[in-house]
PDB file of N, CA and C in Angstrom:
ATOM      1  N   MET A   1       0.764  -0.911  -0.087  1.00  0.00           N
ATOM      2  CA  MET A   1       0.183   0.062   0.301  1.00  0.00           C
ATOM      3  C   MET A   1       0.587   0.922   0.060  1.00  0.00           C
ATOM      4  N   ASP A   2       0.775   2.244  -1.252  1.00  0.00           N
ATOM      5  CA  ASP A   2       1.513   3.541  -1.271  1.00  0.00           C
ATOM      6  C   ASP A   2       0.983   4.667  -0.224  1.00  0.00           C
ATOM      7  N   LYS A   3       2.082   5.835  -0.128  1.00  0.00           N
ATOM      8  CA  LYS A   3       1.202   6.455   0.515  1.00  0.00           C
ATOM      9  C   LYS A   3       0.035   6.580   0.405  1.00  0.00           C
ATOM     10  N   ILE A   4      -0.545   6.638  -0.883  1.00  0.00           N
ATOM     11  CA  ILE A   4      -1.994   8.096  -1.399  1.00  0.00           C
ATOM     12  C   ILE A   4      -2.830   6.794  -1.222  1.00  0.00           C
ATOM     13  N   GLU A   5      -2.737   5.603  -1.284  1.00  0.00           N
ATOM     14  CA  GLU A   5      -3.706   4.543  -0.740  1.00  0.00           C
ATOM     15  C   GLU A   5      -3.699   4.646   0.432  1.00  0.00           C
ATOM     16  N   VAL A   6      -2.953   4.416   1.754  1.00  0.00           N
ATOM     17  CA  VAL A   6      -3.176   4.681   3.045  1.00  0.00           C
ATOM     18  C   VAL A   6      -3.569   6.152   3.174  1.00  0.00           C
ATOM     19  N   ARG A   7      -3.368   7.010   2.855  1.00  0.00           N
ATOM     20  CA  ARG A   7      -3.990   8.490   2.702  1.00  0.00           C
ATOM     21  C   ARG A   7      -5.624   8.021   2.640  1.00  0.00           C
ATOM     22  N   HIS A   8      -5.658   7.818   1.124  1.00  0.00           N
ATOM     23  CA  HIS A   8      -7.370   7.493   0.942  1.00  0.00           C
ATOM     24  C   HIS A   8      -8.050   6.663   2.173  1.00  0.00           C
ATOM     25  N   LEU A   9      -7.085   4.988   2.544  1.00  0.00           N
ATOM     26  CA  LEU A   9      -8.008   4.542   3.309  1.00  0.00           C
ATOM     27  C   LEU A   9      -8.389   5.214   4.816  1.00  0.00           C
ATOM     28  N   LEU A  10      -7.215   6.492   5.289  1.00  0.00           N
ATOM     29  CA  LEU A  10      -7.539   6.804   6.053  1.00  0.00           C
ATOM     30  C   LEU A  10      -8.780   7.380   6.334  1.00  0.00           C
ATOM     31  N   GLU A  11      -9.121   8.725   4.865  1.00  0.00           N
ATOM     32  CA  GLU A  11      -9.884   9.088   4.556  1.00  0.00           C
ATOM     33  C   GLU A  11     -11.235   8.465   4.621  1.00  0.00           C
ATOM     34  N   VAL A  12     -11.465   7.353   3.704  1.00  0.00           N
ATOM     35  CA  VAL A  12     -12.471   6.709   4.673  1.00  0.00           C
ATOM     36  C   VAL A  12     -13.125   5.949   5.332  1.00  0.00           C
ATOM     37  N   LEU A  13     -11.644   5.649   6.727  1.00  0.00           N
ATOM     38  CA  LEU A  13     -12.150   5.249   7.468  1.00  0.00           C
ATOM     39  C   LEU A  13     -12.799   6.456   8.516  1.00  0.00           C
ATOM     40  N   SER A  14     -11.929   7.874   8.504  1.00  0.00           N
ATOM     41  CA  SER A  14     -12.550   8.712   8.894  1.00  0.00           C
ATOM     42  C   SER A  14     -13.627   9.199   8.845  1.00  0.00           C
ATOM     43  N   GLY A  15     -14.898   9.018   7.744  1.00  0.00           N
ATOM     44  CA  GLY A  15     -15.543   9.103   7.141  1.00  0.00           C
ATOM     45  C   GLY A  15     -16.467   8.403   7.845  1.00  0.00           C
ATOM     46  N   TRP A  16     -16.398   7.164   8.675  1.00  0.00           N
ATOM     47  CA  TRP A  16     -16.900   6.265   9.682  1.00  0.00           C
ATOM     48  C   TRP A  16     -17.712   6.450  11.015  1.00  0.00           C
ATOM     49  N   GLY A  17     -18.534   6.111  11.479  1.00  0.00           N
ATOM     50  CA  GLY A  17     -18.499   6.235  13.291  1.00  0.00           C
ATOM     51  C   GLY A  17     -17.675   4.875  13.736  1.00  0.00           C
ATOM     52  N   ASP A  18     -17.965   4.899  15.055  1.00  0.00           N
ATOM     53  CA  ASP A  18     -17.252   3.571  15.716  1.00  0.00           C
ATOM     54  C   ASP A  18     -17.660   2.802  15.732  1.00  0.00           C
ATOM     55  N   ASP A  19     -17.993   2.446  14.746  1.00  0.00           N
ATOM     56  CA  ASP A  19     -18.727   0.598  15.026  1.00  0.00           C
ATOM     57  C   ASP A  19     -18.056   0.366  13.671  1.00  0.00           C
ATOM     58  N   LEU A  20     -17.440   1.294  13.122  1.00  0.00           N
ATOM     59  CA  LEU A  20     -16.289   0.183  11.782  1.00  0.00           C
ATOM     60  C   LEU A  20     -15.435  -0.579  12.729  1.00  0.00           C
ATOM     61  N   ALA A  21     -15.477  -1.580  12.155  1.00  0.00           N
ATOM     62  CA  ALA A  21     -14.420  -2.535  12.045  1.00  0.00           C
ATOM     63  C   ALA A  21     -13.172  -3.283  10.653  1.00  0.00           C
ATOM     64  N   ILE A  22     -12.520  -3.908  11.157  1.00  0.00           N
ATOM     65  CA  ILE A  22     -11.584  -4.752  10.324  1.00  0.00           C
ATOM     66  C   ILE A  22     -11.718  -6.037  11.084  1.00  0.00           C
ATOM     67  N   GLY A  23     -11.432  -6.527   9.479  1.00  0.00           N
ATOM     68  CA  GLY A  23     -11.191  -7.909   9.634  1.00  0.00           C
ATOM     69  C   GLY A  23     -10.838  -8.898   9.050  1.00  0.00           C
ATOM     70  N   ILE A  24     -10.620 -10.049   8.771  1.00  0.00           N
ATOM     71  CA  ILE A  24      -9.570 -10.726   8.031  1.00  0.00           C
ATOM     72  C   ILE A  24     -10.954 -11.821   7.492  1.00  0.00           C
ATOM     73  N   ASP A  25     -11.083 -11.922   6.239  1.00  0.00           N
ATOM     74  CA  ASP A  25     -12.602 -12.895   5.454  1.00  0.00           C
ATOM     75  C   ASP A  25     -11.018 -13.912   4.406  1.00  0.00           C
ATOM     76  N   TYR A  26     -11.092 -15.243   4.873  1.00  0.00           N
ATOM     77  CA  TYR A  26     -10.612 -15.356   4.091  1.00  0.00           C
ATOM     78  C   TYR A  26      -8.879 -15.489   3.316  1.00  0.00           C
ATOM     79  N   GLY A  27      -8.331 -14.532   3.658  1.00  0.00           N
ATOM     80  CA  GLY A  27      -6.894 -13.904   3.592  1.00  0.00           C
ATOM     81  C   GLY A  27      -6.988 -12.278   3.299  1.00  0.00           C
ATOM     82  N   LYS A  28      -8.330 -11.888   3.575  1.00  0.00           N
ATOM     83  CA  LYS A  28      -8.222 -10.679   2.729  1.00  0.00           C
ATOM     84  C   LYS A  28      -9.197 -10.164   4.415  1.00  0.00           C
ATOM     85  N   VAL A  29      -8.897  -8.773   3.577  1.00  0.00           N
ATOM     86  CA  VAL A  29      -9.003  -7.044   4.920  1.00  0.00           C
ATOM     87  C   VAL A  29     -10.115  -6.932   4.772  1.00  0.00           C
ATOM     88  N   VAL A  30     -10.907  -6.971   5.144  1.00  0.00           N
ATOM     89  CA  VAL A  30     -12.347  -6.539   5.453  1.00  0.00           C
ATOM     90  C   VAL A  30     -12.624  -5.250   6.557  1.00  0.00           C
ATOM     91  N   VAL A  31     -12.826  -4.536   5.854  1.00  0.00           N
ATOM     92  CA  VAL A  31     -13.458  -2.828   6.497  1.00  0.00           C
ATOM     93  C   VAL A  31     -15.505  -3.192   6.378  1.00  0.00           C
ATOM     94  N   THR A  32     -15.439  -2.730   7.695  1.00  0.00           N
ATOM     95  CA  THR A  32     -16.961  -3.490   7.337  1.00  0.00           C
ATOM     96  C   THR A  32     -17.926  -2.139   8.486  1.00  0.00           C
ATOM     97  N   ASP A  33     -19.122  -2.912   8.939  1.00  0.00           N
ATOM     98  CA  ASP A  33     -19.597  -2.118   9.645  1.00  0.00           C
ATOM     99  C   ASP A  33     -19.376  -3.399  10.796  1.00  0.00           C
ATOM    100  N   ARG A  34     -19.722  -3.372  12.276  1.00  0.00           N
ATOM    101  CA  ARG A  34     -18.961  -4.107  13.300  1.00  0.00           C
ATOM    102  C   ARG A  34     -20.180  -5.570  13.494  1.00  0.00           C
ATOM    103  N   LEU A  35     -21.688  -5.231  13.295  1.00  0.00           N
ATOM    104  CA  LEU A  35     -22.584  -5.653  13.436  1.00  0.00           C
ATOM    105  C   LEU A  35     -22.432  -6.740  12.725  1.00  0.00           C
ATOM    106  N   ALA A  36     -22.522  -6.327  10.796  1.00  0.00           N
ATOM    107  CA  ALA A  36     -22.299  -6.533   9.536  1.00  0.00           C
ATOM    108  C   ALA A  36     -20.909  -7.773   9.859  1.00  0.00           C
ATOM    109  N   MET A  37     -20.086  -7.590  10.284  1.00  0.00           N
ATOM    110  CA  MET A  37     -18.857  -8.689   9.949  1.00  0.00           C
ATOM    111  C   MET A  37     -19.509  -9.634  10.812  1.00  0.00           C
ATOM    112  N   VAL A  38     -20.001  -9.796  12.456  1.00  0.00           N
ATOM    113  CA  VAL A  38     -20.290 -10.700  13.139  1.00  0.00           C
ATOM    114  C   VAL A  38     -20.981 -11.448  12.677  1.00  0.00           C
ATOM    115  N   THR A  39     -22.296 -10.746  11.829  1.00  0.00           N
ATOM    116  CA  THR A  39     -23.814 -11.491  11.511  1.00  0.00           C
ATOM    117  C   THR A  39     -22.865 -12.433  11.002  1.00  0.00           C
ATOM    118  N   SER A  40     -21.831 -12.119   9.751  1.00  0.00           N
ATOM    119  CA  SER A  40     -21.307 -13.351   8.499  1.00  0.00           C
ATOM    120  C   SER A  40     -20.430 -13.430   9.273  1.00  0.00           C
ATOM    121  N   GLY A  41     -20.172 -13.645  10.489  1.00  0.00           N
ATOM    122  CA  GLY A  41     -19.030 -14.477  10.971  1.00  0.00           C
ATOM    123  C   GLY A  41     -17.667 -14.668  10.663  1.00  0.00           C
ATOM    124  N   VAL A  42     -17.044 -12.804   9.999  1.00  0.00           N
ATOM    125  CA  VAL A  42     -16.160 -12.331   9.523  1.00  0.00           C
ATOM    126  C   VAL A  42     -15.337 -12.157  11.558  1.00  0.00           C
ATOM    127  N   LYS A  43     -14.679 -12.766  11.407  1.00  0.00           N
ATOM    128  CA  LYS A  43     -13.433 -12.438  13.171  1.00  0.00           C
ATOM    129  C   LYS A  43     -12.912 -10.763  12.868  1.00  0.00           C
ATOM    130  N   VAL A  44     -13.630  -9.972  14.373  1.00  0.00           N
ATOM    131  CA  VAL A  44     -13.443  -8.849  13.966  1.00  0.00           C
ATOM    132  C   VAL A  44     -11.780  -8.709  14.379  1.00  0.00           C
ATOM    133  N   VAL A  45     -10.675  -8.228  13.575  1.00  0.00           N
ATOM    134  CA  VAL A  45      -9.838  -7.575  14.720  1.00  0.00           C
ATOM    135  C   VAL A  45      -9.008  -6.895  14.895  1.00  0.00           C
ATOM    136  N   ALA A  46      -9.609  -5.390  14.890  1.00  0.00           N
ATOM    137  CA  ALA A  46      -9.921  -4.376  15.402  1.00  0.00           C
ATOM    138  C   ALA A  46     -10.441  -3.102  15.586  1.00  0.00           C
ATOM    139  N   ASP A  47     -10.631  -2.485  15.828  1.00  0.00           N
ATOM    140  CA  ASP A  47     -12.039  -1.400  15.876  1.00  0.00           C
ATOM    141  C   ASP A  47     -11.611  -0.007  14.413  1.00  0.00           C
ATOM    142  N   ARG A  48     -11.698   0.537  13.938  1.00  0.00           N
ATOM    143  CA  ARG A  48     -11.572   2.020  13.577  1.00  0.00           C
ATOM    144  C   ARG A  48     -10.564   2.308  14.245  1.00  0.00           C
ATOM    145  N   SER A  49     -10.632   3.003  15.286  1.00  0.00           N
ATOM    146  CA  SER A  49      -9.831   4.316  15.678  1.00  0.00           C
ATOM    147  C   SER A  49      -8.354   3.633  16.289  1.00  0.00           C
ATOM    148  N   LYS A  50      -8.272   2.755  16.474  1.00  0.00           N
ATOM    149  CA  LYS A  50      -7.783   1.705  16.694  1.00  0.00           C
ATOM    150  C   LYS A  50      -6.600   1.243  15.366  1.00  0.00           C
ATOM    151  N   VAL A  51      -6.592   0.948  14.210  1.00  0.00           N
ATOM    152  CA  VAL A  51      -6.437   0.961  12.906  1.00  0.00           C
ATOM    153  C   VAL A  51      -5.826   2.343  12.438  1.00  0.00           C
ATOM    154  N   VAL A  52      -6.714   3.478  12.205  1.00  0.00           N
ATOM    155  CA  VAL A  52      -5.936   4.611  11.880  1.00  0.00           C
ATOM    156  C   VAL A  52      -4.742   4.880  12.554  1.00  0.00           C
ATOM    157  N   SER A  53      -4.890   4.999  14.187  1.00  0.00           N
ATOM    158  CA  SER A  53      -3.995   5.308  14.625  1.00  0.00           C
ATOM    159  C   SER A  53      -2.303   4.522  14.728  1.00  0.00           C
ATOM    160  N   ASP A  54      -2.808   3.701  14.118  1.00  0.00           N
ATOM    161  CA  ASP A  54      -1.531   2.741  13.429  1.00  0.00           C
ATOM    162  C   ASP A  54      -1.281   2.800  12.498  1.00  0.00           C
ATOM    163  N   LEU A  55      -2.521   3.401  11.414  1.00  0.00           N
ATOM    164  CA  LEU A  55      -2.187   4.017  10.265  1.00  0.00           C
ATOM    165  C   LEU A  55      -0.967   5.123  10.247  1.00  0.00           C
ATOM    166  N   ILE A  56      -1.591   5.578  10.840  1.00  0.00           N
ATOM    167  CA  ILE A  56      -0.742   7.338  11.163  1.00  0.00           C
ATOM    168  C   ILE A  56       0.871   7.461  11.416  1.00  0.00           C
ATOM    169  N   ALA A  57       0.970   6.254  12.809  1.00  0.00           N
ATOM    170  CA  ALA A  57       1.794   5.838  12.961  1.00  0.00           C
ATOM    171  C   ALA A  57       3.097   5.275  12.551  1.00  0.00           C
ATOM    172  N   ALA A  58       2.676   4.357  11.556  1.00  0.00           N
ATOM    173  CA  ALA A  58       3.677   4.012  10.577  1.00  0.00           C
ATOM    174  C   ALA A  58       3.039   3.674   9.109  1.00  0.00           C
ATOM    175  N   GLU A  59       3.989   4.058   7.985  1.00  0.00           N
ATOM    176  CA  GLU A  59       3.111   4.137   6.345  1.00  0.00           C
ATOM    177  C   GLU A  59       3.846   2.885   6.107  1.00  0.00           C
ATOM    178  N   TRP A  60       2.885   1.729   6.581  1.00  0.00           N
ATOM    179  CA  TRP A  60       3.009   0.509   6.453  1.00  0.00           C
ATOM    180  C   TRP A  60       2.149  -0.163   4.587  1.00  0.00           C
ATOM    181  N   ASP A  61       2.431  -0.921   4.179  1.00  0.00           N
ATOM    182  CA  ASP A  61       2.215  -0.958   2.607  1.00  0.00           C
ATOM    183  C   ASP A  61       1.555  -2.263   3.325  1.00  0.00           C
ATOM    184  N   HIS A  62       0.191  -2.482   2.058  1.00  0.00           N
ATOM    185  CA  HIS A  62      -0.455  -3.774   2.335  1.00  0.00           C
ATOM    186  C   HIS A  62      -0.347  -5.422   2.836  1.00  0.00           C
ATOM    187  N   ALA A  63       1.031  -5.395   2.192  1.00  0.00           N
ATOM    188  CA  ALA A  63       1.580  -6.175   3.248  1.00  0.00           C
ATOM    189  C   ALA A  63       1.696  -7.002   4.562  1.00  0.00           C
ATOM    190  N   ALA A  64       2.137  -6.034   5.197  1.00  0.00           N
ATOM    191  CA  ALA A  64       2.110  -5.360   7.348  1.00  0.00           C
ATOM    192  C   ALA A  64       1.158  -4.904   7.463  1.00  0.00           C
ATOM    193  N   VAL A  65       0.101  -4.530   6.429  1.00  0.00           N
ATOM    194  CA  VAL A  65      -1.453  -4.666   7.243  1.00  0.00           C
ATOM    195  C   VAL A  65      -1.865  -5.683   7.561  1.00  0.00           C
ATOM    196  N   LEU A  66      -1.712  -6.398   6.747  1.00  0.00           N
ATOM    197  CA  LEU A  66      -2.585  -7.632   6.130  1.00  0.00           C
ATOM    198  C   LEU A  66      -1.869  -8.662   7.623  1.00  0.00           C
ATOM    199  N   MET A  67      -0.383  -9.221   7.777  1.00  0.00           N
ATOM    200  CA  MET A  67       0.183  -9.148   8.296  1.00  0.00           C
ATOM    201  C   MET A  67      -0.145  -8.979  10.067  1.00  0.00           C
ATOM    202  N   MET A  68      -0.575  -7.830  10.011  1.00  0.00           N
ATOM    203  CA  MET A  68      -0.815  -7.037  11.321  1.00  0.00           C
ATOM    204  C   MET A  68      -2.171  -7.977  11.846  1.00  0.00           C
ATOM    205  N   LEU A  69      -2.786  -7.697  10.675  1.00  0.00           N
ATOM    206  CA  LEU A  69      -4.109  -8.414  11.725  1.00  0.00           C
ATOM    207  C   LEU A  69      -4.451  -9.735  11.108  1.00  0.00           C
ATOM    208  N   ASN A  70      -3.756 -10.211  10.767  1.00  0.00           N
ATOM    209  CA  ASN A  70      -3.849 -11.558  10.866  1.00  0.00           C
ATOM    210  C   ASN A  70      -2.567 -12.379  12.191  1.00  0.00           C
ATOM    211  N   ASP A  71      -1.583 -11.510  12.426  1.00  0.00           N
ATOM    212  CA  ASP A  71      -1.477 -11.528  13.806  1.00  0.00           C
ATOM    213  C   ASP A  71      -2.380 -11.922  14.921  1.00  0.00           C
ATOM    214  N   LYS A  72      -3.164  -9.961  14.486  1.00  0.00           N
ATOM    215  CA  LYS A  72      -4.226 -10.083  15.806  1.00  0.00           C
ATOM    216  C   LYS A  72      -5.817 -11.236  15.721  1.00  0.00           C
ATOM    217  N   ALA A  73      -5.703 -11.930  13.925  1.00  0.00           N
ATOM    218  CA  ALA A  73      -6.920 -12.696  13.791  1.00  0.00           C
ATOM    219  C   ALA A  73      -6.350 -14.008  15.144  1.00  0.00           C
ATOM    220  N   ALA A  74      -5.134 -14.509  14.991  1.00  0.00           N
ATOM    221  CA  ALA A  74      -4.475 -15.557  15.515  1.00  0.00           C
ATOM    222  C   ALA A  74      -4.347 -15.209  17.187  1.00  0.00           C
ATOM    223  N   GLY A  75      -5.182 -13.866  17.844  1.00  0.00           N
ATOM    224  CA  GLY A  75      -4.231 -13.994  19.009  1.00  0.00           C
ATOM    225  C   GLY A  75      -3.316 -13.184  19.547  1.00  0.00           C
ATOM    226  N   ALA A  76      -2.110 -13.111  18.621  1.00  0.00           N
ATOM    227  CA  ALA A  76      -0.553 -12.893  19.024  1.00  0.00           C
ATOM    228  C   ALA A  76      -1.073 -10.998  19.958  1.00  0.00           C
TER     229      ALA A  76
END
């Protein structure tokens, strides 16, 4: 994920309410409403505020973000 993509992701995330959650579904990062995610059986690994602060703190590429979320999904 390059800087432009990270900036766009931050803009999208900041436009959502606090009920936004981030999860992993078959190896893909899912960003959606927490209730919809739980209802569909996707494991919630982070809330919007945590991911936004992490993205601001470090300019991660897509692989690093996916690795971080997978670690959270695994309980690390």
